[in-house]
Amino acid sequence: MEIIAEDKDIRIEKLDPGGSQWANSYLVTCVKTGESVLIDAPGNLQKMLSQLKDKKIKYILMTHNHGDHTGALVGLKQR
């Protein structure tokens, strides 16, 4: 993951979704609580899980329901 913005309150990271469809996915985290919001769930489920294993994801927000943005959604929701 690449940190693309950070201050005393919030950190925004760009995930590497893996797979053949390279839609963007972002993790927005509250620095104080450690709780996160995942924006879009594209790509390879195992790759996404490995990047998110220590994260406290509270919500998953979807920008739209095209397959290149939802590839890992079902698996992520189950975990």
PDB file of N, CA and C in Angstrom:
ATOM      1  N   MET A   1       0.835  -1.175   0.000  1.00  0.00           N
ATOM      2  CA  MET A   1       0.000   0.000   0.000  1.00  0.00           C
ATOM      3  C   MET A   1       0.879   1.237   0.000  1.00  0.00           C
ATOM      4  N   GLU A   2       0.358   2.249  -0.624  1.00  0.00           N
ATOM      5  CA  GLU A   2       1.086   3.517  -0.731  1.00  0.00           C
ATOM      6  C   GLU A   2       0.305   4.608  -0.013  1.00  0.00           C
ATOM      7  N   ILE A   3       0.930   5.287   0.937  1.00  0.00           N
ATOM      8  CA  ILE A   3       0.278   6.416   1.610  1.00  0.00           C
ATOM      9  C   ILE A   3       0.265   7.584   0.640  1.00  0.00           C
ATOM     10  N   ILE A   4      -0.938   8.091   0.359  1.00  0.00           N
ATOM     11  CA  ILE A   4      -1.033   9.211  -0.578  1.00  0.00           C
ATOM     12  C   ILE A   4      -1.384  10.523   0.113  1.00  0.00           C
ATOM     13  N   ALA A   5      -1.884  10.444   1.353  1.00  0.00           N
ATOM     14  CA  ALA A   5      -2.141  11.651   2.137  1.00  0.00           C
ATOM     15  C   ALA A   5      -2.198  11.263   3.604  1.00  0.00           C
ATOM     16  N   GLU A   6      -1.704  12.160   4.467  1.00  0.00           N
ATOM     17  CA  GLU A   6      -1.726  11.879   5.895  1.00  0.00           C
ATOM     18  C   GLU A   6      -1.557  13.177   6.667  1.00  0.00           C
ATOM     19  N   ASP A   7      -2.332  13.286   7.736  1.00  0.00           N
ATOM     20  CA  ASP A   7      -2.134  14.375   8.681  1.00  0.00           C
ATOM     21  C   ASP A   7      -2.410  13.826  10.077  1.00  0.00           C
ATOM     22  N   LYS A   8      -2.623  14.678  11.046  1.00  0.00           N
ATOM     23  CA  LYS A   8      -2.785  14.205  12.424  1.00  0.00           C
ATOM     24  C   LYS A   8      -4.101  13.451  12.644  1.00  0.00           C
ATOM     25  N   ASP A   9      -5.061  13.578  11.727  1.00  0.00           N
ATOM     26  CA  ASP A   9      -6.371  12.964  11.902  1.00  0.00           C
ATOM     27  C   ASP A   9      -6.653  11.775  10.989  1.00  0.00           C
ATOM     28  N   ILE A  10      -6.101  11.814   9.787  1.00  0.00           N
ATOM     29  CA  ILE A  10      -6.510  10.830   8.779  1.00  0.00           C
ATOM     30  C   ILE A  10      -5.336  10.395   7.907  1.00  0.00           C
ATOM     31  N   ARG A  11      -5.393   9.144   7.467  1.00  0.00           N
ATOM     32  CA  ARG A  11      -4.393   8.613   6.531  1.00  0.00           C
ATOM     33  C   ARG A  11      -5.156   7.976   5.366  1.00  0.00           C
ATOM     34  N   ILE A  12      -4.736   8.271   4.147  1.00  0.00           N
ATOM     35  CA  ILE A  12      -5.333   7.684   2.954  1.00  0.00           C
ATOM     36  C   ILE A  12      -4.262   6.885   2.245  1.00  0.00           C
ATOM     37  N   GLU A  13      -4.568   5.605   2.011  1.00  0.00           N
ATOM     38  CA  GLU A  13      -3.624   4.702   1.355  1.00  0.00           C
ATOM     39  C   GLU A  13      -4.250   4.135   0.089  1.00  0.00           C
ATOM     40  N   LYS A  14      -3.443   4.003  -0.934  1.00  0.00           N
ATOM     41  CA  LYS A  14      -3.877   3.372  -2.174  1.00  0.00           C
ATOM     42  C   LYS A  14      -3.425   1.919  -2.136  1.00  0.00           C
ATOM     43  N   LEU A  15      -4.364   1.005  -2.340  1.00  0.00           N
ATOM     44  CA  LEU A  15      -4.053  -0.414  -2.315  1.00  0.00           C
ATOM     45  C   LEU A  15      -3.649  -0.898  -3.694  1.00  0.00           C
ATOM     46  N   ASP A  16      -2.906  -1.968  -3.722  1.00  0.00           N
ATOM     47  CA  ASP A  16      -2.570  -2.667  -4.956  1.00  0.00           C
ATOM     48  C   ASP A  16      -3.527  -3.852  -5.043  1.00  0.00           C
ATOM     49  N   PRO A  17      -4.599  -3.764  -5.850  1.00  0.00           N
ATOM     50  CA  PRO A  17      -5.608  -4.806  -5.858  1.00  0.00           C
ATOM     51  C   PRO A  17      -5.168  -6.114  -6.504  1.00  0.00           C
ATOM     52  N   GLY A  18      -4.102  -6.096  -7.278  1.00  0.00           N
ATOM     53  CA  GLY A  18      -3.667  -7.307  -7.964  1.00  0.00           C
ATOM     54  C   GLY A  18      -4.672  -7.714  -9.023  1.00  0.00           C
ATOM     55  N   GLY A  19      -4.408  -8.791  -9.689  1.00  0.00           N
ATOM     56  CA  GLY A  19      -5.313  -9.266 -10.732  1.00  0.00           C
ATOM     57  C   GLY A  19      -5.145  -8.515 -12.024  1.00  0.00           C
ATOM     58  N   SER A  20      -5.992  -8.827 -12.972  1.00  0.00           N
ATOM     59  CA  SER A  20      -5.859  -8.251 -14.307  1.00  0.00           C
ATOM     60  C   SER A  20      -6.618  -6.938 -14.457  1.00  0.00           C
ATOM     61  N   GLN A  21      -7.531  -6.649 -13.543  1.00  0.00           N
ATOM     62  CA  GLN A  21      -8.297  -5.417 -13.646  1.00  0.00           C
ATOM     63  C   GLN A  21      -7.777  -4.443 -12.588  1.00  0.00           C
ATOM     64  N   TRP A  22      -7.217  -3.347 -13.036  1.00  0.00           N
ATOM     65  CA  TRP A  22      -6.513  -2.442 -12.130  1.00  0.00           C
ATOM     66  C   TRP A  22      -7.347  -1.232 -11.741  1.00  0.00           C
ATOM     67  N   ALA A  23      -8.515  -1.455 -11.185  1.00  0.00           N
ATOM     68  CA  ALA A  23      -9.291  -0.348 -10.641  1.00  0.00           C
ATOM     69  C   ALA A  23      -8.638   0.088  -9.330  1.00  0.00           C
ATOM     70  N   ASN A  24      -8.809   1.317  -8.995  1.00  0.00           N
ATOM     71  CA  ASN A  24      -8.215   1.828  -7.762  1.00  0.00           C
ATOM     72  C   ASN A  24      -9.043   1.442  -6.547  1.00  0.00           C
ATOM     73  N   SER A  25      -8.373   1.284  -5.431  1.00  0.00           N
ATOM     74  CA  SER A  25      -9.001   1.019  -4.146  1.00  0.00           C
ATOM     75  C   SER A  25      -8.228   1.806  -3.099  1.00  0.00           C
ATOM     76  N   TYR A  26      -8.964   2.401  -2.164  1.00  0.00           N
ATOM     77  CA  TYR A  26      -8.336   3.235  -1.153  1.00  0.00           C
ATOM     78  C   TYR A  26      -8.796   2.842   0.235  1.00  0.00           C
ATOM     79  N   LEU A  27      -7.927   3.042   1.199  1.00  0.00           N
ATOM     80  CA  LEU A  27      -8.241   2.822   2.594  1.00  0.00           C
ATOM     81  C   LEU A  27      -8.084   4.155   3.316  1.00  0.00           C
ATOM     82  N   VAL A  28      -9.171   4.622   3.922  1.00  0.00           N
ATOM     83  CA  VAL A  28      -9.170   5.878   4.667  1.00  0.00           C
ATOM     84  C   VAL A  28      -9.258   5.520   6.144  1.00  0.00           C
ATOM     85  N   THR A  29      -8.246   5.908   6.918  1.00  0.00           N
ATOM     86  CA  THR A  29      -8.138   5.477   8.309  1.00  0.00           C
ATOM     87  C   THR A  29      -8.086   6.668   9.254  1.00  0.00           C
ATOM     88  N   CYS A  30      -8.860   6.578  10.319  1.00  0.00           N
ATOM     89  CA  CYS A  30      -8.806   7.556  11.411  1.00  0.00           C
ATOM     90  C   CYS A  30      -7.557   7.248  12.229  1.00  0.00           C
ATOM     91  N   VAL A  31      -6.663   8.184  12.328  1.00  0.00           N
ATOM     92  CA  VAL A  31      -5.408   7.974  13.048  1.00  0.00           C
ATOM     93  C   VAL A  31      -5.667   7.710  14.532  1.00  0.00           C
ATOM     94  N   LYS A  32      -6.669   8.351  15.104  1.00  0.00           N
ATOM     95  CA  LYS A  32      -6.942   8.212  16.540  1.00  0.00           C
ATOM     96  C   LYS A  32      -7.538   6.857  16.908  1.00  0.00           C
ATOM     97  N   THR A  33      -8.512   6.370  16.127  1.00  0.00           N
ATOM     98  CA  THR A  33      -9.200   5.121  16.469  1.00  0.00           C
ATOM     99  C   THR A  33      -8.654   3.906  15.731  1.00  0.00           C
ATOM    100  N   GLY A  34      -7.995   4.143  14.600  1.00  0.00           N
ATOM    101  CA  GLY A  34      -7.511   3.043  13.780  1.00  0.00           C
ATOM    102  C   GLY A  34      -8.592   2.417  12.914  1.00  0.00           C
ATOM    103  N   GLU A  35      -9.832   2.911  12.998  1.00  0.00           N
ATOM    104  CA  GLU A  35     -10.916   2.390  12.175  1.00  0.00           C
ATOM    105  C   GLU A  35     -10.783   2.923  10.758  1.00  0.00           C
ATOM    106  N   SER A  36     -11.166   2.057   9.806  1.00  0.00           N
ATOM    107  CA  SER A  36     -10.971   2.393   8.401  1.00  0.00           C
ATOM    108  C   SER A  36     -12.242   2.215   7.584  1.00  0.00           C
ATOM    109  N   VAL A  37     -12.246   2.914   6.464  1.00  0.00           N
ATOM    110  CA  VAL A  37     -13.256   2.748   5.430  1.00  0.00           C
ATOM    111  C   VAL A  37     -12.513   2.331   4.172  1.00  0.00           C
ATOM    112  N   LEU A  38     -12.939   1.229   3.561  1.00  0.00           N
ATOM    113  CA  LEU A  38     -12.370   0.773   2.302  1.00  0.00           C
ATOM    114  C   LEU A  38     -13.236   1.301   1.172  1.00  0.00           C
ATOM    115  N   ILE A  39     -12.618   1.908   0.184  1.00  0.00           N
ATOM    116  CA  ILE A  39     -13.355   2.426  -0.972  1.00  0.00           C
ATOM    117  C   ILE A  39     -13.029   1.543  -2.167  1.00  0.00           C
ATOM    118  N   ASP A  40     -14.052   0.819  -2.622  1.00  0.00           N
ATOM    119  CA  ASP A  40     -13.999  -0.144  -3.718  1.00  0.00           C
ATOM    120  C   ASP A  40     -13.208  -1.395  -3.323  1.00  0.00           C
ATOM    121  N   ALA A  41     -13.561  -2.502  -3.950  1.00  0.00           N
ATOM    122  CA  ALA A  41     -12.968  -3.801  -3.613  1.00  0.00           C
ATOM    123  C   ALA A  41     -12.625  -4.584  -4.876  1.00  0.00           C
ATOM    124  N   PRO A  42     -11.727  -4.051  -5.690  1.00  0.00           N
ATOM    125  CA  PRO A  42     -11.390  -4.729  -6.935  1.00  0.00           C
ATOM    126  C   PRO A  42     -10.345  -5.826  -6.738  1.00  0.00           C
ATOM    127  N   GLY A  43     -10.122  -6.574  -7.802  1.00  0.00           N
ATOM    128  CA  GLY A  43      -8.943  -7.422  -7.873  1.00  0.00           C
ATOM    129  C   GLY A  43      -8.996  -8.735  -7.140  1.00  0.00           C
ATOM    130  N   ASN A  44      -7.841  -9.182  -6.782  1.00  0.00           N
ATOM    131  CA  ASN A  44      -7.600 -10.487  -6.196  1.00  0.00           C
ATOM    132  C   ASN A  44      -7.891 -10.468  -4.698  1.00  0.00           C
ATOM    133  N   LEU A  45      -8.800 -11.338  -4.247  1.00  0.00           N
ATOM    134  CA  LEU A  45      -9.197 -11.364  -2.848  1.00  0.00           C
ATOM    135  C   LEU A  45      -8.011 -11.610  -1.928  1.00  0.00           C
ATOM    136  N   GLN A  46      -7.189 -12.591  -2.221  1.00  0.00           N
ATOM    137  CA  GLN A  46      -6.062 -12.917  -1.336  1.00  0.00           C
ATOM    138  C   GLN A  46      -5.079 -11.750  -1.224  1.00  0.00           C
ATOM    139  N   LYS A  47      -4.835 -11.066  -2.331  1.00  0.00           N
ATOM    140  CA  LYS A  47      -3.941  -9.895  -2.311  1.00  0.00           C
ATOM    141  C   LYS A  47      -4.525  -8.796  -1.431  1.00  0.00           C
ATOM    142  N   MET A  48      -5.836  -8.561  -1.575  1.00  0.00           N
ATOM    143  CA  MET A  48      -6.488  -7.540  -0.764  1.00  0.00           C
ATOM    144  C   MET A  48      -6.445  -7.925   0.714  1.00  0.00           C
ATOM    145  N   LEU A  49      -6.733  -9.183   1.026  1.00  0.00           N
ATOM    146  CA  LEU A  49      -6.722  -9.634   2.421  1.00  0.00           C
ATOM    147  C   LEU A  49      -5.344  -9.488   3.053  1.00  0.00           C
ATOM    148  N   SER A  50      -4.303  -9.773   2.288  1.00  0.00           N
ATOM    149  CA  SER A  50      -2.952  -9.658   2.843  1.00  0.00           C
ATOM    150  C   SER A  50      -2.613  -8.206   3.184  1.00  0.00           C
ATOM    151  N   GLN A  51      -3.136  -7.266   2.413  1.00  0.00           N
ATOM    152  CA  GLN A  51      -2.878  -5.849   2.689  1.00  0.00           C
ATOM    153  C   GLN A  51      -3.738  -5.316   3.827  1.00  0.00           C
ATOM    154  N   LEU A  52      -4.871  -5.958   4.071  1.00  0.00           N
ATOM    155  CA  LEU A  52      -5.828  -5.453   5.053  1.00  0.00           C
ATOM    156  C   LEU A  52      -5.854  -6.263   6.344  1.00  0.00           C
ATOM    157  N   LYS A  53      -4.943  -7.212   6.503  1.00  0.00           N
ATOM    158  CA  LYS A  53      -5.021  -8.170   7.609  1.00  0.00           C
ATOM    159  C   LYS A  53      -5.001  -7.531   8.994  1.00  0.00           C
ATOM    160  N   ASP A  54      -4.321  -6.442   9.187  1.00  0.00           N
ATOM    161  CA  ASP A  54      -4.236  -5.809  10.505  1.00  0.00           C
ATOM    162  C   ASP A  54      -5.113  -4.565  10.621  1.00  0.00           C
ATOM    163  N   LYS A  55      -5.988  -4.368   9.650  1.00  0.00           N
ATOM    164  CA  LYS A  55      -6.813  -3.156   9.624  1.00  0.00           C
ATOM    165  C   LYS A  55      -8.178  -3.408  10.254  1.00  0.00           C
ATOM    166  N   LYS A  56      -8.716  -2.378  10.891  1.00  0.00           N
ATOM    167  CA  LYS A  56     -10.059  -2.451  11.467  1.00  0.00           C
ATOM    168  C   LYS A  56     -11.032  -1.768  10.502  1.00  0.00           C
ATOM    169  N   ILE A  57     -11.514  -2.539   9.530  1.00  0.00           N
ATOM    170  CA  ILE A  57     -12.397  -1.971   8.517  1.00  0.00           C
ATOM    171  C   ILE A  57     -13.827  -1.937   9.058  1.00  0.00           C
ATOM    172  N   LYS A  58     -14.361  -0.749   9.130  1.00  0.00           N
ATOM    173  CA  LYS A  58     -15.720  -0.558   9.645  1.00  0.00           C
ATOM    174  C   LYS A  58     -16.747  -0.569   8.517  1.00  0.00           C
ATOM    175  N   TYR A  59     -16.381  -0.016   7.359  1.00  0.00           N
ATOM    176  CA  TYR A  59     -17.297   0.066   6.227  1.00  0.00           C
ATOM    177  C   TYR A  59     -16.550  -0.211   4.928  1.00  0.00           C
ATOM    178  N   ILE A  60     -17.302  -0.686   3.935  1.00  0.00           N
ATOM    179  CA  ILE A  60     -16.812  -0.791   2.566  1.00  0.00           C
ATOM    180  C   ILE A  60     -17.749   0.059   1.716  1.00  0.00           C
ATOM    181  N   LEU A  61     -17.207   1.073   1.084  1.00  0.00           N
ATOM    182  CA  LEU A  61     -17.988   1.958   0.214  1.00  0.00           C
ATOM    183  C   LEU A  61     -17.692   1.616  -1.241  1.00  0.00           C
ATOM    184  N   MET A  62     -18.723   1.521  -2.042  1.00  0.00           N
ATOM    185  CA  MET A  62     -18.559   1.210  -3.453  1.00  0.00           C
ATOM    186  C   MET A  62     -18.918   2.443  -4.281  1.00  0.00           C
ATOM    187  N   THR A  63     -18.031   2.798  -5.210  1.00  0.00           N
ATOM    188  CA  THR A  63     -18.312   3.946  -6.064  1.00  0.00           C
ATOM    189  C   THR A  63     -19.322   3.583  -7.146  1.00  0.00           C
ATOM    190  N   HIS A  64     -19.293   2.336  -7.601  1.00  0.00           N
ATOM    191  CA  HIS A  64     -20.274   1.811  -8.550  1.00  0.00           C
ATOM    192  C   HIS A  64     -20.090   0.299  -8.629  1.00  0.00           C
ATOM    193  N   ASN A  65     -20.990  -0.391  -9.326  1.00  0.00           N
ATOM    194  CA  ASN A  65     -20.984  -1.852  -9.271  1.00  0.00           C
ATOM    195  C   ASN A  65     -20.416  -2.537 -10.505  1.00  0.00           C
ATOM    196  N   HIS A  66     -19.502  -1.921 -11.193  1.00  0.00           N
ATOM    197  CA  HIS A  66     -18.826  -2.604 -12.295  1.00  0.00           C
ATOM    198  C   HIS A  66     -17.905  -3.683 -11.731  1.00  0.00           C
ATOM    199  N   GLY A  67     -17.750  -4.772 -12.471  1.00  0.00           N
ATOM    200  CA  GLY A  67     -16.951  -5.904 -12.017  1.00  0.00           C
ATOM    201  C   GLY A  67     -15.525  -5.559 -11.642  1.00  0.00           C
ATOM    202  N   ASP A  68     -14.946  -4.553 -12.297  1.00  0.00           N
ATOM    203  CA  ASP A  68     -13.564  -4.190 -11.978  1.00  0.00           C
ATOM    204  C   ASP A  68     -13.448  -3.456 -10.647  1.00  0.00           C
ATOM    205  N   HIS A  69     -14.575  -3.149 -10.014  1.00  0.00           N
ATOM    206  CA  HIS A  69     -14.560  -2.499  -8.700  1.00  0.00           C
ATOM    207  C   HIS A  69     -15.098  -3.401  -7.597  1.00  0.00           C
ATOM    208  N   THR A  70     -15.639  -4.562  -7.968  1.00  0.00           N
ATOM    209  CA  THR A  70     -16.314  -5.420  -6.986  1.00  0.00           C
ATOM    210  C   THR A  70     -15.725  -6.820  -6.881  1.00  0.00           C
ATOM    211  N   GLY A  71     -14.629  -7.107  -7.547  1.00  0.00           N
ATOM    212  CA  GLY A  71     -14.080  -8.453  -7.611  1.00  0.00           C
ATOM    213  C   GLY A  71     -13.839  -9.134  -6.283  1.00  0.00           C
ATOM    214  N   ALA A  72     -13.436  -8.395  -5.267  1.00  0.00           N
ATOM    215  CA  ALA A  72     -13.128  -8.989  -3.957  1.00  0.00           C
ATOM    216  C   ALA A  72     -14.187  -8.671  -2.904  1.00  0.00           C
ATOM    217  N   LEU A  73     -15.277  -8.024  -3.310  1.00  0.00           N
ATOM    218  CA  LEU A  73     -16.270  -7.536  -2.346  1.00  0.00           C
ATOM    219  C   LEU A  73     -16.880  -8.653  -1.496  1.00  0.00           C
ATOM    220  N   VAL A  74     -17.373  -9.689  -2.112  1.00  0.00           N
ATOM    221  CA  VAL A  74     -18.054 -10.741  -1.360  1.00  0.00           C
ATOM    222  C   VAL A  74     -17.108 -11.373  -0.343  1.00  0.00           C
ATOM    223  N   GLY A  75     -15.907 -11.702  -0.764  1.00  0.00           N
ATOM    224  CA  GLY A  75     -14.936 -12.294   0.140  1.00  0.00           C
ATOM    225  C   GLY A  75     -14.536 -11.371   1.285  1.00  0.00           C
ATOM    226  N   LEU A  76     -14.375 -10.097   1.000  1.00  0.00           N
ATOM    227  CA  LEU A  76     -14.029  -9.128   2.041  1.00  0.00           C
ATOM    228  C   LEU A  76     -15.157  -8.974   3.049  1.00  0.00           C
ATOM    229  N   LYS A  77     -16.383  -8.941   2.562  1.00  0.00           N
ATOM    230  CA  LYS A  77     -17.526  -8.812   3.469  1.00  0.00           C
ATOM    231  C   LYS A  77     -17.638 -10.021   4.391  1.00  0.00           C
ATOM    232  N   GLN A  78     -17.324 -11.199   3.881  1.00  0.00           N
ATOM    233  CA  GLN A  78     -17.399 -12.407   4.688  1.00  0.00           C
ATOM    234  C   GLN A  78     -16.375 -12.406   5.803  1.00  0.00           C
ATOM    235  N   ARG A  79     -15.275 -11.731   5.601  1.00  0.00           N
ATOM    236  CA  ARG A  79     -14.214 -11.692   6.613  1.00  0.00           C
ATOM    237  C   ARG A  79     -14.331 -10.467   7.458  1.00  0.00           C
TER     238      ARG A  79
END
